[in-house]
Amino acid sequence: PKVVSIHSRGAETAVLDTLLEYRVRHAMFHWYSGPTGILDE
């Protein structure tokens, strides 16, 4: 585990899916600008 700062522009679903697939916990979404539904997830 590391503190991970994540860029997700235009790729929010793919980012979250990857974090879930690899069970990465407590990541930081940097300057999130995507859909509210993905933010809520």
PDB file of all heavy atoms in Angstrom:
ATOM      1  N   PRO A   1       0.810  -1.224   0.000  1.00  0.00           N
ATOM      2  CA  PRO A   1       0.000   0.000   0.000  1.00  0.00           C
ATOM      3  C   PRO A   1       0.843   1.275   0.000  1.00  0.00           C
ATOM      4  O   PRO A   1       1.854   1.383   0.704  1.00  0.00           O
ATOM      5  CB  PRO A   1      -0.808  -0.127   1.296  1.00  0.00           C
ATOM      6  CG  PRO A   1      -0.901  -1.591   1.533  1.00  0.00           C
ATOM      7  CD  PRO A   1       0.427  -2.137   1.086  1.00  0.00           C
ATOM      8  N   LYS A   2       0.407   2.226  -0.797  1.00  0.00           N
ATOM      9  CA  LYS A   2       1.007   3.548  -0.906  1.00  0.00           C
ATOM     10  C   LYS A   2      -0.109   4.576  -0.994  1.00  0.00           C
ATOM     11  O   LYS A   2      -1.242   4.259  -1.363  1.00  0.00           O
ATOM     12  CB  LYS A   2       1.874   3.659  -2.168  1.00  0.00           C
ATOM     13  CG  LYS A   2       2.967   2.605  -2.311  1.00  0.00           C
ATOM     14  CD  LYS A   2       4.145   2.854  -1.389  1.00  0.00           C
ATOM     15  CE  LYS A   2       5.240   1.796  -1.575  1.00  0.00           C
ATOM     16  NZ  LYS A   2       6.397   2.036  -0.689  1.00  0.00           N
ATOM     17  N   VAL A   3       0.217   5.826  -0.686  1.00  0.00           N
ATOM     18  CA  VAL A   3      -0.690   6.928  -0.982  1.00  0.00           C
ATOM     19  C   VAL A   3      -0.593   7.186  -2.480  1.00  0.00           C
ATOM     20  O   VAL A   3       0.482   7.467  -2.994  1.00  0.00           O
ATOM     21  CB  VAL A   3      -0.309   8.195  -0.198  1.00  0.00           C
ATOM     22  CG1 VAL A   3      -1.200   9.362  -0.624  1.00  0.00           C
ATOM     23  CG2 VAL A   3      -0.418   7.960   1.297  1.00  0.00           C
ATOM     24  N   VAL A   4      -1.715   7.077  -3.192  1.00  0.00           N
ATOM     25  CA  VAL A   4      -1.711   7.169  -4.656  1.00  0.00           C
ATOM     26  C   VAL A   4      -2.555   8.364  -5.094  1.00  0.00           C
ATOM     27  O   VAL A   4      -3.747   8.433  -4.779  1.00  0.00           O
ATOM     28  CB  VAL A   4      -2.273   5.885  -5.295  1.00  0.00           C
ATOM     29  CG1 VAL A   4      -2.142   5.952  -6.819  1.00  0.00           C
ATOM     30  CG2 VAL A   4      -1.550   4.653  -4.767  1.00  0.00           C
ATOM     31  N   SER A   5      -1.934   9.292  -5.821  1.00  0.00           N
ATOM     32  CA  SER A   5      -2.639  10.455  -6.340  1.00  0.00           C
ATOM     33  C   SER A   5      -2.940  10.229  -7.819  1.00  0.00           C
ATOM     34  O   SER A   5      -2.023  10.025  -8.624  1.00  0.00           O
ATOM     35  CB  SER A   5      -1.799  11.722  -6.160  1.00  0.00           C
ATOM     36  OG  SER A   5      -2.550  12.863  -6.504  1.00  0.00           O
ATOM     37  N   ILE A   6      -4.239  10.277  -8.150  1.00  0.00           N
ATOM     38  CA  ILE A   6      -4.708   9.753  -9.437  1.00  0.00           C
ATOM     39  C   ILE A   6      -5.298  10.833 -10.335  1.00  0.00           C
ATOM     40  O   ILE A   6      -6.166  11.610  -9.933  1.00  0.00           O
ATOM     41  CB  ILE A   6      -5.755   8.650  -9.202  1.00  0.00           C
ATOM     42  CG1 ILE A   6      -5.102   7.446  -8.510  1.00  0.00           C
ATOM     43  CG2 ILE A   6      -6.406   8.223 -10.507  1.00  0.00           C
ATOM     44  CD1 ILE A   6      -6.065   6.353  -8.164  1.00  0.00           C
ATOM     45  N   HIS A   7      -4.831  10.811 -11.568  1.00  0.00           N
ATOM     46  CA  HIS A   7      -5.354  11.618 -12.675  1.00  0.00           C
ATOM     47  C   HIS A   7      -6.421  10.772 -13.385  1.00  0.00           C
ATOM     48  O   HIS A   7      -6.159   9.621 -13.726  1.00  0.00           O
ATOM     49  CB  HIS A   7      -4.174  11.907 -13.615  1.00  0.00           C
ATOM     50  CG  HIS A   7      -4.488  12.730 -14.818  1.00  0.00           C
ATOM     51  ND1 HIS A   7      -3.955  13.986 -15.018  1.00  0.00           N
ATOM     52  CD2 HIS A   7      -5.240  12.468 -15.925  1.00  0.00           C
ATOM     53  CE1 HIS A   7      -4.360  14.462 -16.186  1.00  0.00           C
ATOM     54  NE2 HIS A   7      -5.144  13.565 -16.751  1.00  0.00           N
ATOM     55  N   SER A   8      -7.611  11.349 -13.617  1.00  0.00           N
ATOM     56  CA  SER A   8      -8.700  10.515 -14.158  1.00  0.00           C
ATOM     57  C   SER A   8      -9.500  11.226 -15.242  1.00  0.00           C
ATOM     58  O   SER A   8     -10.635  10.842 -15.513  1.00  0.00           O
ATOM     59  CB  SER A   8      -9.642  10.095 -13.025  1.00  0.00           C
ATOM     60  OG  SER A   8     -10.223  11.228 -12.390  1.00  0.00           O
ATOM     61  N   ARG A   9      -8.924  12.205 -15.898  1.00  0.00           N
ATOM     62  CA  ARG A   9      -9.681  13.042 -16.839  1.00  0.00           C
ATOM     63  C   ARG A   9     -10.231  12.227 -18.016  1.00  0.00           C
ATOM     64  O   ARG A   9      -9.491  11.591 -18.763  1.00  0.00           O
ATOM     65  CB  ARG A   9      -8.788  14.171 -17.360  1.00  0.00           C
ATOM     66  CG  ARG A   9      -9.517  15.149 -18.257  1.00  0.00           C
ATOM     67  CD  ARG A   9      -8.677  16.369 -18.574  1.00  0.00           C
ATOM     68  NE  ARG A   9      -7.398  16.015 -19.176  1.00  0.00           N
ATOM     69  CZ  ARG A   9      -6.518  16.920 -19.634  1.00  0.00           C
ATOM     70  NH1 ARG A   9      -6.784  18.216 -19.530  1.00  0.00           N
ATOM     71  NH2 ARG A   9      -5.387  16.523 -20.174  1.00  0.00           N
ATOM     72  N   GLY A  10     -11.530  12.249 -18.153  1.00  0.00           N
ATOM     73  CA  GLY A  10     -12.186  11.540 -19.239  1.00  0.00           C
ATOM     74  C   GLY A  10     -12.137  10.029 -19.117  1.00  0.00           C
ATOM     75  O   GLY A  10     -12.546   9.317 -20.038  1.00  0.00           O
ATOM     76  N   ALA A  11     -11.662   9.535 -17.979  1.00  0.00           N
ATOM     77  CA  ALA A  11     -11.449   8.091 -17.813  1.00  0.00           C
ATOM     78  C   ALA A  11     -11.876   7.635 -16.422  1.00  0.00           C
ATOM     79  O   ALA A  11     -11.351   6.655 -15.899  1.00  0.00           O
ATOM     80  CB  ALA A  11      -9.979   7.767 -18.048  1.00  0.00           C
ATOM     81  N   GLU A  12     -12.832   8.329 -15.855  1.00  0.00           N
ATOM     82  CA  GLU A  12     -13.183   8.083 -14.454  1.00  0.00           C
ATOM     83  C   GLU A  12     -13.682   6.659 -14.219  1.00  0.00           C
ATOM     84  O   GLU A  12     -13.314   6.016 -13.226  1.00  0.00           O
ATOM     85  CB  GLU A  12     -14.241   9.099 -14.011  1.00  0.00           C
ATOM     86  CG  GLU A  12     -13.759  10.535 -14.010  1.00  0.00           C
ATOM     87  CD  GLU A  12     -13.812  11.223 -15.371  1.00  0.00           C
ATOM     88  OE1 GLU A  12     -14.416  10.633 -16.313  1.00  0.00           O
ATOM     89  OE2 GLU A  12     -13.273  12.342 -15.496  1.00  0.00           O
ATOM     90  N   THR A  13     -14.510   6.150 -15.126  1.00  0.00           N
ATOM     91  CA  THR A  13     -15.023   4.791 -14.957  1.00  0.00           C
ATOM     92  C   THR A  13     -13.906   3.766 -15.035  1.00  0.00           C
ATOM     93  O   THR A  13     -13.836   2.838 -14.214  1.00  0.00           O
ATOM     94  CB  THR A  13     -16.089   4.489 -16.032  1.00  0.00           C
ATOM     95  OG1 THR A  13     -17.187   5.394 -15.866  1.00  0.00           O
ATOM     96  CG2 THR A  13     -16.599   3.061 -15.906  1.00  0.00           C
ATOM     97  N   ALA A  14     -13.019   3.917 -16.001  1.00  0.00           N
ATOM     98  CA  ALA A  14     -11.902   2.979 -16.150  1.00  0.00           C
ATOM     99  C   ALA A  14     -10.975   3.029 -14.946  1.00  0.00           C
ATOM    100  O   ALA A  14     -10.452   1.996 -14.503  1.00  0.00           O
ATOM    101  CB  ALA A  14     -11.125   3.283 -17.434  1.00  0.00           C
ATOM    102  N   VAL A  15     -10.743   4.218 -14.403  1.00  0.00           N
ATOM    103  CA  VAL A  15      -9.908   4.339 -13.203  1.00  0.00           C
ATOM    104  C   VAL A  15     -10.538   3.594 -12.036  1.00  0.00           C
ATOM    105  O   VAL A  15      -9.884   2.787 -11.359  1.00  0.00           O
ATOM    106  CB  VAL A  15      -9.681   5.823 -12.842  1.00  0.00           C
ATOM    107  CG1 VAL A  15      -9.172   5.963 -11.401  1.00  0.00           C
ATOM    108  CG2 VAL A  15      -8.687   6.461 -13.802  1.00  0.00           C
ATOM    109  N   LEU A  16     -11.818   3.870 -11.781  1.00  0.00           N
ATOM    110  CA  LEU A  16     -12.476   3.235 -10.635  1.00  0.00           C
ATOM    111  C   LEU A  16     -12.564   1.723 -10.825  1.00  0.00           C
ATOM    112  O   LEU A  16     -12.333   0.959  -9.875  1.00  0.00           O
ATOM    113  CB  LEU A  16     -13.865   3.830 -10.428  1.00  0.00           C
ATOM    114  CG  LEU A  16     -14.603   3.355  -9.175  1.00  0.00           C
ATOM    115  CD1 LEU A  16     -13.786   3.619  -7.912  1.00  0.00           C
ATOM    116  CD2 LEU A  16     -15.964   4.032  -9.074  1.00  0.00           C
ATOM    117  N   ASP A  17     -12.851   1.274 -12.034  1.00  0.00           N
ATOM    118  CA  ASP A  17     -12.902  -0.164 -12.294  1.00  0.00           C
ATOM    119  C   ASP A  17     -11.550  -0.829 -12.007  1.00  0.00           C
ATOM    120  O   ASP A  17     -11.500  -1.933 -11.454  1.00  0.00           O
ATOM    121  CB  ASP A  17     -13.300  -0.436 -13.739  1.00  0.00           C
ATOM    122  CG  ASP A  17     -14.778  -0.176 -14.020  1.00  0.00           C
ATOM    123  OD1 ASP A  17     -15.545  -0.021 -13.049  1.00  0.00           O
ATOM    124  OD2 ASP A  17     -15.149  -0.134 -15.205  1.00  0.00           O
ATOM    125  N   THR A  18     -10.468  -0.157 -12.373  1.00  0.00           N
ATOM    126  CA  THR A  18      -9.126  -0.715 -12.129  1.00  0.00           C
ATOM    127  C   THR A  18      -8.819  -0.765 -10.643  1.00  0.00           C
ATOM    128  O   THR A  18      -8.277  -1.760 -10.144  1.00  0.00           O
ATOM    129  CB  THR A  18      -8.068   0.112 -12.876  1.00  0.00           C
ATOM    130  OG1 THR A  18      -8.375   0.137 -14.271  1.00  0.00           O
ATOM    131  CG2 THR A  18      -6.672  -0.480 -12.684  1.00  0.00           C
ATOM    132  N   LEU A  19      -9.175   0.284  -9.927  1.00  0.00           N
ATOM    133  CA  LEU A  19      -8.958   0.280  -8.479  1.00  0.00           C
ATOM    134  C   LEU A  19      -9.734  -0.852  -7.814  1.00  0.00           C
ATOM    135  O   LEU A  19      -9.219  -1.538  -6.915  1.00  0.00           O
ATOM    136  CB  LEU A  19      -9.374   1.627  -7.877  1.00  0.00           C
ATOM    137  CG  LEU A  19      -8.591   2.852  -8.331  1.00  0.00           C
ATOM    138  CD1 LEU A  19      -9.155   4.110  -7.682  1.00  0.00           C
ATOM    139  CD2 LEU A  19      -7.099   2.713  -7.997  1.00  0.00           C
ATOM    140  N   LEU A  20     -10.966  -1.065  -8.258  1.00  0.00           N
ATOM    141  CA  LEU A  20     -11.776  -2.146  -7.698  1.00  0.00           C
ATOM    142  C   LEU A  20     -11.202  -3.517  -8.067  1.00  0.00           C
ATOM    143  O   LEU A  20     -11.148  -4.429  -7.236  1.00  0.00           O
ATOM    144  CB  LEU A  20     -13.217  -2.027  -8.192  1.00  0.00           C
ATOM    145  CG  LEU A  20     -14.007  -0.823  -7.665  1.00  0.00           C
ATOM    146  CD1 LEU A  20     -15.332  -0.678  -8.413  1.00  0.00           C
ATOM    147  CD2 LEU A  20     -14.251  -0.947  -6.171  1.00  0.00           C
ATOM    148  N   GLU A  21     -10.782  -3.661  -9.323  1.00  0.00           N
ATOM    149  CA  GLU A  21     -10.235  -4.937  -9.776  1.00  0.00           C
ATOM    150  C   GLU A  21      -9.027  -5.352  -8.947  1.00  0.00           C
ATOM    151  O   GLU A  21      -8.877  -6.532  -8.588  1.00  0.00           O
ATOM    152  CB  GLU A  21      -9.837  -4.825 -11.253  1.00  0.00           C
ATOM    153  CG  GLU A  21      -9.207  -6.094 -11.821  1.00  0.00           C
ATOM    154  CD  GLU A  21      -8.744  -5.926 -13.266  1.00  0.00           C
ATOM    155  OE1 GLU A  21      -9.011  -4.857 -13.868  1.00  0.00           O
ATOM    156  OE2 GLU A  21      -8.100  -6.857 -13.785  1.00  0.00           O
ATOM    157  N   TYR A  22      -8.152  -4.387  -8.650  1.00  0.00           N
ATOM    158  CA  TYR A  22      -6.923  -4.702  -7.922  1.00  0.00           C
ATOM    159  C   TYR A  22      -7.044  -4.438  -6.417  1.00  0.00           C
ATOM    160  O   TYR A  22      -6.064  -4.523  -5.691  1.00  0.00           O
ATOM    161  CB  TYR A  22      -5.745  -3.922  -8.513  1.00  0.00           C
ATOM    162  CG  TYR A  22      -5.334  -4.449  -9.871  1.00  0.00           C
ATOM    163  CD1 TYR A  22      -5.853  -3.907 -11.048  1.00  0.00           C
ATOM    164  CD2 TYR A  22      -4.459  -5.523  -9.986  1.00  0.00           C
ATOM    165  CE1 TYR A  22      -5.499  -4.402 -12.290  1.00  0.00           C
ATOM    166  CE2 TYR A  22      -4.091  -6.026 -11.229  1.00  0.00           C
ATOM    167  CZ  TYR A  22      -4.617  -5.464 -12.371  1.00  0.00           C
ATOM    168  OH  TYR A  22      -4.263  -5.963 -13.602  1.00  0.00           O
ATOM    169  N   ARG A  23      -8.236  -4.089  -5.982  1.00  0.00           N
ATOM    170  CA  ARG A  23      -8.509  -3.868  -4.555  1.00  0.00           C
ATOM    171  C   ARG A  23      -7.591  -2.811  -3.961  1.00  0.00           C
ATOM    172  O   ARG A  23      -7.064  -2.957  -2.849  1.00  0.00           O
ATOM    173  CB  ARG A  23      -8.400  -5.184  -3.771  1.00  0.00           C
ATOM    174  CG  ARG A  23      -9.402  -6.229  -4.248  1.00  0.00           C
ATOM    175  CD  ARG A  23      -9.340  -7.497  -3.428  1.00  0.00           C
ATOM    176  NE  ARG A  23     -10.284  -8.487  -3.940  1.00  0.00           N
ATOM    177  CZ  ARG A  23     -10.451  -9.701  -3.411  1.00  0.00           C
ATOM    178  NH1 ARG A  23      -9.701 -10.056  -2.370  1.00  0.00           N
ATOM    179  NH2 ARG A  23     -11.321 -10.534  -3.929  1.00  0.00           N
ATOM    180  N   VAL A  24      -7.406  -1.730  -4.710  1.00  0.00           N
ATOM    181  CA  VAL A  24      -6.632  -0.591  -4.213  1.00  0.00           C
ATOM    182  C   VAL A  24      -7.549   0.242  -3.339  1.00  0.00           C
ATOM    183  O   VAL A  24      -8.629   0.649  -3.759  1.00  0.00           O
ATOM    184  CB  VAL A  24      -6.086   0.254  -5.383  1.00  0.00           C
ATOM    185  CG1 VAL A  24      -5.348   1.486  -4.846  1.00  0.00           C
ATOM    186  CG2 VAL A  24      -5.162  -0.584  -6.252  1.00  0.00           C
ATOM    187  N   ARG A  25      -7.124   0.502  -2.129  1.00  0.00           N
ATOM    188  CA  ARG A  25      -7.942   1.201  -1.147  1.00  0.00           C
ATOM    189  C   ARG A  25      -7.403   2.597  -0.872  1.00  0.00           C
ATOM    190  O   ARG A  25      -6.215   2.843  -0.924  1.00  0.00           O
ATOM    191  CB  ARG A  25      -7.993   0.400   0.163  1.00  0.00           C
ATOM    192  CG  ARG A  25      -8.563  -1.010   0.003  1.00  0.00           C
ATOM    193  CD  ARG A  25      -8.298  -1.880   1.216  1.00  0.00           C
ATOM    194  NE  ARG A  25      -8.836  -1.320   2.442  1.00  0.00           N
ATOM    195  CZ  ARG A  25      -8.089  -0.894   3.452  1.00  0.00           C
ATOM    196  NH1 ARG A  25      -6.768  -0.944   3.383  1.00  0.00           N
ATOM    197  NH2 ARG A  25      -8.659  -0.415   4.527  1.00  0.00           N
ATOM    198  N   HIS A  26      -8.319   3.518  -0.567  1.00  0.00           N
ATOM    199  CA  HIS A  26      -7.983   4.843  -0.058  1.00  0.00           C
ATOM    200  C   HIS A  26      -7.053   5.619  -0.999  1.00  0.00           C
ATOM    201  O   HIS A  26      -6.090   6.250  -0.568  1.00  0.00           O
ATOM    202  CB  HIS A  26      -7.372   4.734   1.340  1.00  0.00           C
ATOM    203  CG  HIS A  26      -8.151   3.873   2.273  1.00  0.00           C
ATOM    204  ND1 HIS A  26      -9.486   4.098   2.558  1.00  0.00           N
ATOM    205  CD2 HIS A  26      -7.812   2.752   2.962  1.00  0.00           C
ATOM    206  CE1 HIS A  26      -9.922   3.159   3.391  1.00  0.00           C
ATOM    207  NE2 HIS A  26      -8.931   2.331   3.645  1.00  0.00           N
ATOM    208  N   ALA A  27      -7.359   5.582  -2.281  1.00  0.00           N
ATOM    209  CA  ALA A  27      -6.624   6.399  -3.247  1.00  0.00           C
ATOM    210  C   ALA A  27      -7.142   7.838  -3.192  1.00  0.00           C
ATOM    211  O   ALA A  27      -8.241   8.110  -2.687  1.00  0.00           O
ATOM    212  CB  ALA A  27      -6.780   5.834  -4.651  1.00  0.00           C
ATOM    213  N   MET A  28      -6.350   8.771  -3.733  1.00  0.00           N
ATOM    214  CA  MET A  28      -6.754  10.174  -3.835  1.00  0.00           C
ATOM    215  C   MET A  28      -7.080  10.496  -5.292  1.00  0.00           C
ATOM    216  O   MET A  28      -6.205  10.366  -6.150  1.00  0.00           O
ATOM    217  CB  MET A  28      -5.633  11.106  -3.369  1.00  0.00           C
ATOM    218  CG  MET A  28      -5.211  10.980  -1.940  1.00  0.00           C
ATOM    219  SD  MET A  28      -4.046  12.292  -1.462  1.00  0.00           S
ATOM    220  CE  MET A  28      -2.655  11.999  -2.560  1.00  0.00           C
ATOM    221  N   PHE A  29      -8.302  10.900  -5.560  1.00  0.00           N
ATOM    222  CA  PHE A  29      -8.659  11.402  -6.883  1.00  0.00           C
ATOM    223  C   PHE A  29      -8.275  12.878  -6.944  1.00  0.00           C
ATOM    224  O   PHE A  29      -8.879  13.719  -6.271  1.00  0.00           O
ATOM    225  CB  PHE A  29     -10.155  11.228  -7.139  1.00  0.00           C
ATOM    226  CG  PHE A  29     -10.552   9.848  -7.566  1.00  0.00           C
ATOM    227  CD1 PHE A  29     -10.611   8.809  -6.644  1.00  0.00           C
ATOM    228  CD2 PHE A  29     -10.860   9.577  -8.893  1.00  0.00           C
ATOM    229  CE1 PHE A  29     -10.978   7.520  -7.035  1.00  0.00           C
ATOM    230  CE2 PHE A  29     -11.240   8.293  -9.294  1.00  0.00           C
ATOM    231  CZ  PHE A  29     -11.286   7.266  -8.365  1.00  0.00           C
ATOM    232  N   HIS A  30      -7.266  13.182  -7.741  1.00  0.00           N
ATOM    233  CA  HIS A  30      -6.778  14.555  -7.885  1.00  0.00           C
ATOM    234  C   HIS A  30      -7.622  15.306  -8.908  1.00  0.00           C
ATOM    235  O   HIS A  30      -7.867  14.815 -10.007  1.00  0.00           O
ATOM    236  CB  HIS A  30      -5.297  14.482  -8.298  1.00  0.00           C
ATOM    237  CG  HIS A  30      -4.872  15.475  -9.329  1.00  0.00           C
ATOM    238  ND1 HIS A  30      -4.764  16.813  -9.064  1.00  0.00           N
ATOM    239  CD2 HIS A  30      -4.518  15.313 -10.633  1.00  0.00           C
ATOM    240  CE1 HIS A  30      -4.355  17.437 -10.161  1.00  0.00           C
ATOM    241  NE2 HIS A  30      -4.205  16.552 -11.124  1.00  0.00           N
ATOM    242  N   TRP A  31      -8.121  16.494  -8.514  1.00  0.00           N
ATOM    243  CA  TRP A  31      -8.876  17.401  -9.398  1.00  0.00           C
ATOM    244  C   TRP A  31      -9.932  16.622 -10.177  1.00  0.00           C
ATOM    245  O   TRP A  31      -9.976  16.655 -11.401  1.00  0.00           O
ATOM    246  CB  TRP A  31      -7.928  18.135 -10.337  1.00  0.00           C
ATOM    247  CG  TRP A  31      -8.529  19.353 -10.994  1.00  0.00           C
ATOM    248  CD1 TRP A  31      -9.853  19.709 -11.060  1.00  0.00           C
ATOM    249  CD2 TRP A  31      -7.816  20.384 -11.693  1.00  0.00           C
ATOM    250  NE1 TRP A  31     -10.003  20.879 -11.741  1.00  0.00           N
ATOM    251  CE2 TRP A  31      -8.772  21.323 -12.149  1.00  0.00           C
ATOM    252  CE3 TRP A  31      -6.466  20.591 -11.986  1.00  0.00           C
ATOM    253  CZ2 TRP A  31      -8.409  22.460 -12.870  1.00  0.00           C
ATOM    254  CZ3 TRP A  31      -6.117  21.720 -12.705  1.00  0.00           C
ATOM    255  CH2 TRP A  31      -7.064  22.638 -13.133  1.00  0.00           C
ATOM    256  N   TYR A  32     -10.796  15.934  -9.465  1.00  0.00           N
ATOM    257  CA  TYR A  32     -11.848  15.148 -10.112  1.00  0.00           C
ATOM    258  C   TYR A  32     -12.769  16.078 -10.900  1.00  0.00           C
ATOM    259  O   TYR A  32     -13.205  17.128 -10.396  1.00  0.00           O
ATOM    260  CB  TYR A  32     -12.651  14.368  -9.067  1.00  0.00           C
ATOM    261  CG  TYR A  32     -13.702  13.478  -9.678  1.00  0.00           C
ATOM    262  CD1 TYR A  32     -13.383  12.193 -10.087  1.00  0.00           C
ATOM    263  CD2 TYR A  32     -15.003  13.939  -9.885  1.00  0.00           C
ATOM    264  CE1 TYR A  32     -14.336  11.370 -10.678  1.00  0.00           C
ATOM    265  CE2 TYR A  32     -15.959  13.131 -10.468  1.00  0.00           C
ATOM    266  CZ  TYR A  32     -15.611  11.852 -10.869  1.00  0.00           C
ATOM    267  OH  TYR A  32     -16.568  11.052 -11.466  1.00  0.00           O
ATOM    268  N   SER A  33     -13.105  15.681 -12.130  1.00  0.00           N
ATOM    269  CA  SER A  33     -13.967  16.518 -12.973  1.00  0.00           C
ATOM    270  C   SER A  33     -15.003  15.693 -13.726  1.00  0.00           C
ATOM    271  O   SER A  33     -15.591  16.177 -14.692  1.00  0.00           O
ATOM    272  CB  SER A  33     -13.128  17.310 -13.979  1.00  0.00           C
ATOM    273  OG  SER A  33     -12.389  16.436 -14.833  1.00  0.00           O
ATOM    274  N   GLY A  34     -15.222  14.459 -13.291  1.00  0.00           N
ATOM    275  CA  GLY A  34     -16.087  13.546 -14.027  1.00  0.00           C
ATOM    276  C   GLY A  34     -17.525  13.525 -13.553  1.00  0.00           C
ATOM    277  O   GLY A  34     -17.989  14.419 -12.826  1.00  0.00           O
ATOM    278  N   PRO A  35     -18.252  12.474 -13.926  1.00  0.00           N
ATOM    279  CA  PRO A  35     -19.677  12.352 -13.568  1.00  0.00           C
ATOM    280  C   PRO A  35     -19.872  12.226 -12.060  1.00  0.00           C
ATOM    281  O   PRO A  35     -19.053  11.622 -11.348  1.00  0.00           O
ATOM    282  CB  PRO A  35     -20.110  11.058 -14.281  1.00  0.00           C
ATOM    283  CG  PRO A  35     -19.074  10.813 -15.326  1.00  0.00           C
ATOM    284  CD  PRO A  35     -17.795  11.371 -14.792  1.00  0.00           C
ATOM    285  N   THR A  36     -20.996  12.771 -11.592  1.00  0.00           N
ATOM    286  CA  THR A  36     -21.286  12.691 -10.161  1.00  0.00           C
ATOM    287  C   THR A  36     -21.535  11.252  -9.722  1.00  0.00           C
ATOM    288  O   THR A  36     -21.225  10.881  -8.588  1.00  0.00           O
ATOM    289  CB  THR A  36     -22.494  13.567  -9.796  1.00  0.00           C
ATOM    290  OG1 THR A  36     -23.619  13.180 -10.598  1.00  0.00           O
ATOM    291  CG2 THR A  36     -22.191  15.036 -10.043  1.00  0.00           C
ATOM    292  N   GLY A  37     -22.087  10.433 -10.613  1.00  0.00           N
ATOM    293  CA  GLY A  37     -22.352   9.044 -10.242  1.00  0.00           C
ATOM    294  C   GLY A  37     -21.078   8.281  -9.929  1.00  0.00           C
ATOM    295  O   GLY A  37     -21.047   7.483  -8.982  1.00  0.00           O
ATOM    296  N   ILE A  38     -20.038   8.505 -10.717  1.00  0.00           N
ATOM    297  CA  ILE A  38     -18.755   7.835 -10.455  1.00  0.00           C
ATOM    298  C   ILE A  38     -18.126   8.392  -9.189  1.00  0.00           C
ATOM    299  O   ILE A  38     -17.539   7.645  -8.397  1.00  0.00           O
ATOM    300  CB  ILE A  38     -17.806   7.995 -11.655  1.00  0.00           C
ATOM    301  CG1 ILE A  38     -18.435   7.404 -12.917  1.00  0.00           C
ATOM    302  CG2 ILE A  38     -16.458   7.318 -11.377  1.00  0.00           C
ATOM    303  CD1 ILE A  38     -18.773   5.937 -12.803  1.00  0.00           C
ATOM    304  N   LEU A  39     -18.263   9.705  -8.982  1.00  0.00           N
ATOM    305  CA  LEU A  39     -17.776  10.292  -7.720  1.00  0.00           C
ATOM    306  C   LEU A  39     -18.439   9.604  -6.535  1.00  0.00           C
ATOM    307  O   LEU A  39     -17.759   9.211  -5.574  1.00  0.00           O
ATOM    308  CB  LEU A  39     -18.053  11.789  -7.698  1.00  0.00           C
ATOM    309  CG  LEU A  39     -17.526  12.586  -6.495  1.00  0.00           C
ATOM    310  CD1 LEU A  39     -17.255  14.045  -6.896  1.00  0.00           C
ATOM    311  CD2 LEU A  39     -18.501  12.574  -5.322  1.00  0.00           C
ATOM    312  N   ASP A  40     -19.755   9.425  -6.606  1.00  0.00           N
ATOM    313  CA  ASP A  40     -20.476   8.789  -5.495  1.00  0.00           C
ATOM    314  C   ASP A  40     -20.001   7.354  -5.276  1.00  0.00           C
ATOM    315  O   ASP A  40     -19.861   6.903  -4.126  1.00  0.00           O
ATOM    316  CB  ASP A  40     -21.980   8.805  -5.771  1.00  0.00           C
ATOM    317  CG  ASP A  40     -22.564  10.214  -5.774  1.00  0.00           C
ATOM    318  OD1 ASP A  40     -21.912  11.137  -5.256  1.00  0.00           O
ATOM    319  OD2 ASP A  40     -23.681  10.384  -6.311  1.00  0.00           O
ATOM    320  N   GLU A  41     -19.734   6.626  -6.373  1.00  0.00           N
ATOM    321  CA  GLU A  41     -19.210   5.259  -6.239  1.00  0.00           C
ATOM    322  C   GLU A  41     -17.845   5.259  -5.576  1.00  0.00           C
ATOM    323  O   GLU A  41     -17.553   4.397  -4.723  1.00  0.00           O
ATOM    324  CB  GLU A  41     -19.117   4.595  -7.611  1.00  0.00           C
ATOM    325  CG  GLU A  41     -20.446   4.185  -8.222  1.00  0.00           C
ATOM    326  CD  GLU A  41     -20.228   3.425  -9.522  1.00  0.00           C
ATOM    327  OE1 GLU A  41     -19.341   2.550  -9.566  1.00  0.00           O
ATOM    328  OE2 GLU A  41     -20.941   3.740 -10.502  1.00  0.00           O
TER     329      GLU A  41
END
